[in-house]
């Protein structure tokens, strides 16, 4: 199978970023006393980008799609640089782990491990940042900060579980269809 041109790679990366953006819009907002958290489908596409495109391109698609979602929402605008970095790292780590030792993201077990690791990394970064903001910047007492942390951890864990369980089988279906069609060449 022939390799994609640089233009095709850029287009596919942009398409995945757009899917991340749209997936982030499909959400249920959970109001909190100090803000809100949400359950959304964006993480599915962040992991899917890593599984299909590999580390750097998957990370870029995940980071850029999430970054633009935050840029267009005044509530999330101040967090957009962090979102780019955290989602990039989620997609990047997922893509890199899925391809360890030449696996080519075709091992179900390795893809499941990769998706779970990417989500876990994001979960630690996201919840950790929120806790540090609440305690160090907002000077919030520990008890309410922990309450918020637990609430965000709950919603984020739901996002994580859904994303891992959906993205891994979806990646296999899409990869199989792409290989059969010969339309996009080798994704890597």
C-alpha atoms as a PDB file:
ATOM      1  CA  UNK A   1       0.000   0.000   0.000  1.00  0.00           C
ATOM      2  CA  UNK A   2       1.437   3.389  -0.926  1.00  0.00           C
ATOM      3  CA  UNK A   3       2.211   6.102   1.605  1.00  0.00           C
ATOM      4  CA  UNK A   4       0.039   9.216   1.796  1.00  0.00           C
ATOM      5  CA  UNK A   5       1.362  12.492   0.452  1.00  0.00           C
ATOM      6  CA  UNK A   6       2.029  15.314   2.908  1.00  0.00           C
ATOM      7  CA  UNK A   7      -1.137  17.042   1.685  1.00  0.00           C
ATOM      8  CA  UNK A   8      -3.254  13.937   2.241  1.00  0.00           C
ATOM      9  CA  UNK A   9      -1.780  13.461   5.722  1.00  0.00           C
ATOM     10  CA  UNK A  10      -2.579  17.080   6.571  1.00  0.00           C
ATOM     11  CA  UNK A  11      -6.128  16.698   5.249  1.00  0.00           C
ATOM     12  CA  UNK A  12      -6.776  13.507   7.240  1.00  0.00           C
ATOM     13  CA  UNK A  13      -5.326  15.124  10.381  1.00  0.00           C
ATOM     14  CA  UNK A  14      -7.605  18.132   9.827  1.00  0.00           C
ATOM     15  CA  UNK A  15     -10.598  15.844   9.314  1.00  0.00           C
ATOM     16  CA  UNK A  16      -9.865  14.075  12.601  1.00  0.00           C
ATOM     17  CA  UNK A  17      -9.485  17.461  14.343  1.00  0.00           C
ATOM     18  CA  UNK A  18     -12.928  18.410  12.995  1.00  0.00           C
ATOM     19  CA  UNK A  19     -14.393  15.160  14.347  1.00  0.00           C
ATOM     20  CA  UNK A  20     -12.834  15.897  17.757  1.00  0.00           C
ATOM     21  CA  UNK A  21     -14.396  19.380  17.638  1.00  0.00           C
ATOM     22  CA  UNK A  22     -17.862  18.073  16.742  1.00  0.00           C
ATOM     23  CA  UNK A  23     -17.606  15.250  19.278  1.00  0.00           C
ATOM     24  CA  UNK A  24     -16.784  17.805  21.966  1.00  0.00           C
ATOM     25  CA  UNK A  25     -19.990  19.665  21.107  1.00  0.00           C
ATOM     26  CA  UNK A  26     -22.107  16.566  21.752  1.00  0.00           C
ATOM     27  CA  UNK A  27     -22.329  16.905  25.509  1.00  0.00           C
ATOM     28  CA  UNK A  28     -24.320  16.835  28.708  1.00  0.00           C
ATOM     29  CA  UNK A  29     -23.373  19.705  31.039  1.00  0.00           C
ATOM     30  CA  UNK A  30     -23.332  19.026  34.781  1.00  0.00           C
ATOM     31  CA  UNK A  31     -23.626  22.262  36.784  1.00  0.00           C
ATOM     32  CA  UNK A  32     -21.481  22.647  39.900  1.00  0.00           C
ATOM     33  CA  UNK A  33     -21.530  25.340  42.558  1.00  0.00           C
ATOM     34  CA  UNK A  34     -18.218  26.713  41.227  1.00  0.00           C
ATOM     35  CA  UNK A  35     -18.686  26.105  37.511  1.00  0.00           C
ATOM     36  CA  UNK A  36     -19.590  23.083  35.430  1.00  0.00           C
ATOM     37  CA  UNK A  37     -18.261  19.819  34.125  1.00  0.00           C
ATOM     38  CA  UNK A  38     -19.562  17.789  31.223  1.00  0.00           C
ATOM     39  CA  UNK A  39     -19.854  14.367  29.690  1.00  0.00           C
ATOM     40  CA  UNK A  40     -19.049  14.526  25.957  1.00  0.00           C
ATOM     41  CA  UNK A  41     -17.963  12.449  22.975  1.00  0.00           C
ATOM     42  CA  UNK A  42     -14.792  14.393  22.116  1.00  0.00           C
ATOM     43  CA  UNK A  43     -12.474  11.968  23.891  1.00  0.00           C
ATOM     44  CA  UNK A  44     -13.652   9.125  21.661  1.00  0.00           C
ATOM     45  CA  UNK A  45     -12.295  11.000  18.661  1.00  0.00           C
ATOM     46  CA  UNK A  46      -9.116  12.062  20.500  1.00  0.00           C
ATOM     47  CA  UNK A  47      -8.282   8.400  21.098  1.00  0.00           C
ATOM     48  CA  UNK A  48      -9.447   7.413  17.626  1.00  0.00           C
ATOM     49  CA  UNK A  49      -7.050  10.009  16.181  1.00  0.00           C
ATOM     50  CA  UNK A  50      -4.167   8.486  18.134  1.00  0.00           C
ATOM     51  CA  UNK A  51      -5.090   4.942  17.125  1.00  0.00           C
ATOM     52  CA  UNK A  52      -5.522   5.767  13.433  1.00  0.00           C
ATOM     53  CA  UNK A  53      -2.906   8.469  12.858  1.00  0.00           C
ATOM     54  CA  UNK A  54      -0.169   7.632  15.339  1.00  0.00           C
ATOM     55  CA  UNK A  55       1.492   9.751  17.984  1.00  0.00           C
ATOM     56  CA  UNK A  56       2.248  13.176  16.530  1.00  0.00           C
ATOM     57  CA  UNK A  57      -0.583  13.442  13.996  1.00  0.00           C
ATOM     58  CA  UNK A  58      -3.085  11.868  16.382  1.00  0.00           C
ATOM     59  CA  UNK A  59      -1.971  14.232  19.121  1.00  0.00           C
ATOM     60  CA  UNK A  60      -2.266  17.232  16.813  1.00  0.00           C
ATOM     61  CA  UNK A  61      -5.781  16.245  15.725  1.00  0.00           C
ATOM     62  CA  UNK A  62      -6.862  15.697  19.347  1.00  0.00           C
ATOM     63  CA  UNK A  63      -5.226  18.898  20.576  1.00  0.00           C
ATOM     64  CA  UNK A  64      -6.354  21.171  17.751  1.00  0.00           C
ATOM     65  CA  UNK A  65      -9.963  19.947  17.651  1.00  0.00           C
ATOM     66  CA  UNK A  66     -10.303  20.396  21.415  1.00  0.00           C
ATOM     67  CA  UNK A  67      -8.441  23.725  21.351  1.00  0.00           C
ATOM     68  CA  UNK A  68     -10.798  25.193  18.743  1.00  0.00           C
ATOM     69  CA  UNK A  69     -13.819  23.953  20.700  1.00  0.00           C
ATOM     70  CA  UNK A  70     -12.517  25.815  23.764  1.00  0.00           C
ATOM     71  CA  UNK A  71     -11.669  28.930  21.726  1.00  0.00           C
ATOM     72  CA  UNK A  72     -15.265  29.245  20.554  1.00  0.00           C
ATOM     73  CA  UNK A  73     -16.791  28.838  24.015  1.00  0.00           C
ATOM     74  CA  UNK A  74     -16.260  31.765  26.417  1.00  0.00           C
ATOM     75  CA  UNK A  75     -16.521  29.441  29.422  1.00  0.00           C
ATOM     76  CA  UNK A  76     -13.565  27.332  28.258  1.00  0.00           C
ATOM     77  CA  UNK A  77     -11.549  30.025  26.444  1.00  0.00           C
ATOM     78  CA  UNK A  78      -9.051  30.664  29.284  1.00  0.00           C
ATOM     79  CA  UNK A  79      -8.274  26.936  29.464  1.00  0.00           C
ATOM     80  CA  UNK A  80      -7.702  26.479  25.720  1.00  0.00           C
ATOM     81  CA  UNK A  81      -3.864  26.316  25.873  1.00  0.00           C
ATOM     82  CA  UNK A  82      -4.047  23.679  28.610  1.00  0.00           C
ATOM     83  CA  UNK A  83      -6.694  21.801  26.649  1.00  0.00           C
ATOM     84  CA  UNK A  84      -4.455  21.753  23.577  1.00  0.00           C
ATOM     85  CA  UNK A  85      -1.520  20.397  25.592  1.00  0.00           C
ATOM     86  CA  UNK A  86      -3.515  17.830  27.577  1.00  0.00           C
ATOM     87  CA  UNK A  87      -5.509  16.487  24.605  1.00  0.00           C
ATOM     88  CA  UNK A  88      -2.363  16.439  22.452  1.00  0.00           C
ATOM     89  CA  UNK A  89      -0.677  14.308  25.107  1.00  0.00           C
ATOM     90  CA  UNK A  90      -3.710  11.995  25.261  1.00  0.00           C
ATOM     91  CA  UNK A  91      -3.720  11.379  21.493  1.00  0.00           C
ATOM     92  CA  UNK A  92       0.081  11.281  21.279  1.00  0.00           C
ATOM     93  CA  UNK A  93       0.522   8.740  24.079  1.00  0.00           C
ATOM     94  CA  UNK A  94      -2.330   6.594  22.741  1.00  0.00           C
ATOM     95  CA  UNK A  95      -0.824   6.596  19.249  1.00  0.00           C
ATOM     96  CA  UNK A  96       2.707   5.874  20.453  1.00  0.00           C
ATOM     97  CA  UNK A  97       1.684   3.030  22.770  1.00  0.00           C
ATOM     98  CA  UNK A  98      -0.527   1.475  20.064  1.00  0.00           C
ATOM     99  CA  UNK A  99       2.532   1.300  17.808  1.00  0.00           C
ATOM    100  CA  UNK A 100       5.120   0.068  20.308  1.00  0.00           C
ATOM    101  CA  UNK A 101       7.437  -2.640  18.990  1.00  0.00           C
ATOM    102  CA  UNK A 102       6.063  -2.255  15.462  1.00  0.00           C
ATOM    103  CA  UNK A 103       2.510  -3.269  16.390  1.00  0.00           C
ATOM    104  CA  UNK A 104       1.007  -0.896  13.810  1.00  0.00           C
ATOM    105  CA  UNK A 105      -2.048  -0.305  16.016  1.00  0.00           C
ATOM    106  CA  UNK A 106      -3.519  -3.645  14.946  1.00  0.00           C
ATOM    107  CA  UNK A 107      -3.357  -5.488  18.283  1.00  0.00           C
ATOM    108  CA  UNK A 108      -6.635  -5.271  20.208  1.00  0.00           C
ATOM    109  CA  UNK A 109      -4.892  -5.750  23.548  1.00  0.00           C
ATOM    110  CA  UNK A 110      -2.248  -3.130  22.792  1.00  0.00           C
ATOM    111  CA  UNK A 111      -4.860  -0.675  21.470  1.00  0.00           C
ATOM    112  CA  UNK A 112      -6.952  -1.134  24.599  1.00  0.00           C
ATOM    113  CA  UNK A 113      -3.863  -0.500  26.737  1.00  0.00           C
ATOM    114  CA  UNK A 114      -2.964   2.527  24.598  1.00  0.00           C
ATOM    115  CA  UNK A 115      -6.445   4.042  24.833  1.00  0.00           C
ATOM    116  CA  UNK A 116      -6.634   3.441  28.592  1.00  0.00           C
ATOM    117  CA  UNK A 117      -3.171   4.948  29.110  1.00  0.00           C
ATOM    118  CA  UNK A 118      -4.027   8.013  27.017  1.00  0.00           C
ATOM    119  CA  UNK A 119      -7.236   8.545  28.962  1.00  0.00           C
ATOM    120  CA  UNK A 120      -5.539   8.012  32.315  1.00  0.00           C
ATOM    121  CA  UNK A 121      -2.859  10.565  31.454  1.00  0.00           C
ATOM    122  CA  UNK A 122      -5.509  13.087  30.423  1.00  0.00           C
ATOM    123  CA  UNK A 123      -7.568  12.382  33.542  1.00  0.00           C
ATOM    124  CA  UNK A 124      -4.567  13.020  35.813  1.00  0.00           C
ATOM    125  CA  UNK A 125      -3.646  16.234  33.979  1.00  0.00           C
ATOM    126  CA  UNK A 126      -7.211  17.608  33.834  1.00  0.00           C
ATOM    127  CA  UNK A 127      -8.251  16.815  37.395  1.00  0.00           C
ATOM    128  CA  UNK A 128      -4.820  17.755  38.769  1.00  0.00           C
ATOM    129  CA  UNK A 129      -4.909  21.148  37.044  1.00  0.00           C
ATOM    130  CA  UNK A 130      -8.388  21.839  38.397  1.00  0.00           C
ATOM    131  CA  UNK A 131      -7.367  20.921  41.924  1.00  0.00           C
ATOM    132  CA  UNK A 132      -4.250  23.110  41.758  1.00  0.00           C
ATOM    133  CA  UNK A 133      -6.285  26.028  40.393  1.00  0.00           C
ATOM    134  CA  UNK A 134      -8.865  25.676  43.155  1.00  0.00           C
ATOM    135  CA  UNK A 135      -6.378  25.369  46.010  1.00  0.00           C
ATOM    136  CA  UNK A 136      -3.371  27.433  44.895  1.00  0.00           C
ATOM    137  CA  UNK A 137      -4.936  30.163  42.747  1.00  0.00           C
ATOM    138  CA  UNK A 138      -8.451  30.437  44.170  1.00  0.00           C
ATOM    139  CA  UNK A 139      -7.296  29.730  47.762  1.00  0.00           C
ATOM    140  CA  UNK A 140     -10.203  27.352  48.229  1.00  0.00           C
ATOM    141  CA  UNK A 141     -10.335  25.286  51.395  1.00  0.00           C
ATOM    142  CA  UNK A 142      -9.394  21.633  50.981  1.00  0.00           C
ATOM    143  CA  UNK A 143     -12.865  20.187  51.647  1.00  0.00           C
ATOM    144  CA  UNK A 144     -14.739  22.050  48.874  1.00  0.00           C
ATOM    145  CA  UNK A 145     -11.766  21.606  46.518  1.00  0.00           C
ATOM    146  CA  UNK A 146     -11.895  17.843  47.080  1.00  0.00           C
ATOM    147  CA  UNK A 147     -15.673  17.843  46.535  1.00  0.00           C
ATOM    148  CA  UNK A 148     -15.198  19.532  43.164  1.00  0.00           C
ATOM    149  CA  UNK A 149     -12.331  17.164  42.342  1.00  0.00           C
ATOM    150  CA  UNK A 150     -14.503  14.111  43.053  1.00  0.00           C
ATOM    151  CA  UNK A 151     -17.359  15.495  40.926  1.00  0.00           C
ATOM    152  CA  UNK A 152     -15.050  16.263  37.993  1.00  0.00           C
ATOM    153  CA  UNK A 153     -13.346  12.908  38.438  1.00  0.00           C
ATOM    154  CA  UNK A 154     -16.734  11.179  38.210  1.00  0.00           C
ATOM    155  CA  UNK A 155     -17.775  12.893  34.971  1.00  0.00           C
ATOM    156  CA  UNK A 156     -14.287  12.535  33.503  1.00  0.00           C
ATOM    157  CA  UNK A 157     -14.214   8.838  34.395  1.00  0.00           C
ATOM    158  CA  UNK A 158     -17.502   8.325  32.549  1.00  0.00           C
ATOM    159  CA  UNK A 159     -15.967  10.144  29.547  1.00  0.00           C
ATOM    160  CA  UNK A 160     -12.850   7.981  29.811  1.00  0.00           C
ATOM    161  CA  UNK A 161     -14.657   4.647  30.018  1.00  0.00           C
ATOM    162  CA  UNK A 162     -16.980   5.482  27.126  1.00  0.00           C
ATOM    163  CA  UNK A 163     -14.070   6.762  25.029  1.00  0.00           C
ATOM    164  CA  UNK A 164     -11.940   3.657  25.546  1.00  0.00           C
ATOM    165  CA  UNK A 165     -14.810   1.220  24.977  1.00  0.00           C
ATOM    166  CA  UNK A 166     -15.967   2.963  21.782  1.00  0.00           C
ATOM    167  CA  UNK A 167     -12.702   4.133  20.194  1.00  0.00           C
ATOM    168  CA  UNK A 168     -10.869   0.799  20.158  1.00  0.00           C
ATOM    169  CA  UNK A 169     -13.473  -1.234  18.215  1.00  0.00           C
ATOM    170  CA  UNK A 170     -14.290   1.797  16.054  1.00  0.00           C
ATOM    171  CA  UNK A 171     -10.611   2.112  15.102  1.00  0.00           C
ATOM    172  CA  UNK A 172     -10.556  -1.526  13.949  1.00  0.00           C
ATOM    173  CA  UNK A 173     -13.680  -1.067  11.824  1.00  0.00           C
ATOM    174  CA  UNK A 174     -12.391   2.152  10.240  1.00  0.00           C
ATOM    175  CA  UNK A 175      -8.871   0.795   9.672  1.00  0.00           C
ATOM    176  CA  UNK A 176     -10.295  -2.325   8.007  1.00  0.00           C
ATOM    177  CA  UNK A 177     -12.533  -0.239   5.723  1.00  0.00           C
ATOM    178  CA  UNK A 178      -9.653   2.081   4.806  1.00  0.00           C
ATOM    179  CA  UNK A 179      -7.351  -0.816   3.961  1.00  0.00           C
ATOM    180  CA  UNK A 180     -10.057  -2.447   1.836  1.00  0.00           C
ATOM    181  CA  UNK A 181     -10.911   0.750  -0.039  1.00  0.00           C
ATOM    182  CA  UNK A 182      -7.330   1.771  -0.869  1.00  0.00           C
ATOM    183  CA  UNK A 183      -8.617   5.365  -0.811  1.00  0.00           C
ATOM    184  CA  UNK A 184      -6.281   6.849   1.747  1.00  0.00           C
ATOM    185  CA  UNK A 185      -3.226   4.630   1.562  1.00  0.00           C
ATOM    186  CA  UNK A 186      -1.248   3.852   4.687  1.00  0.00           C
ATOM    187  CA  UNK A 187      -2.379   5.997   7.622  1.00  0.00           C
ATOM    188  CA  UNK A 188       1.000   5.916   9.335  1.00  0.00           C
END
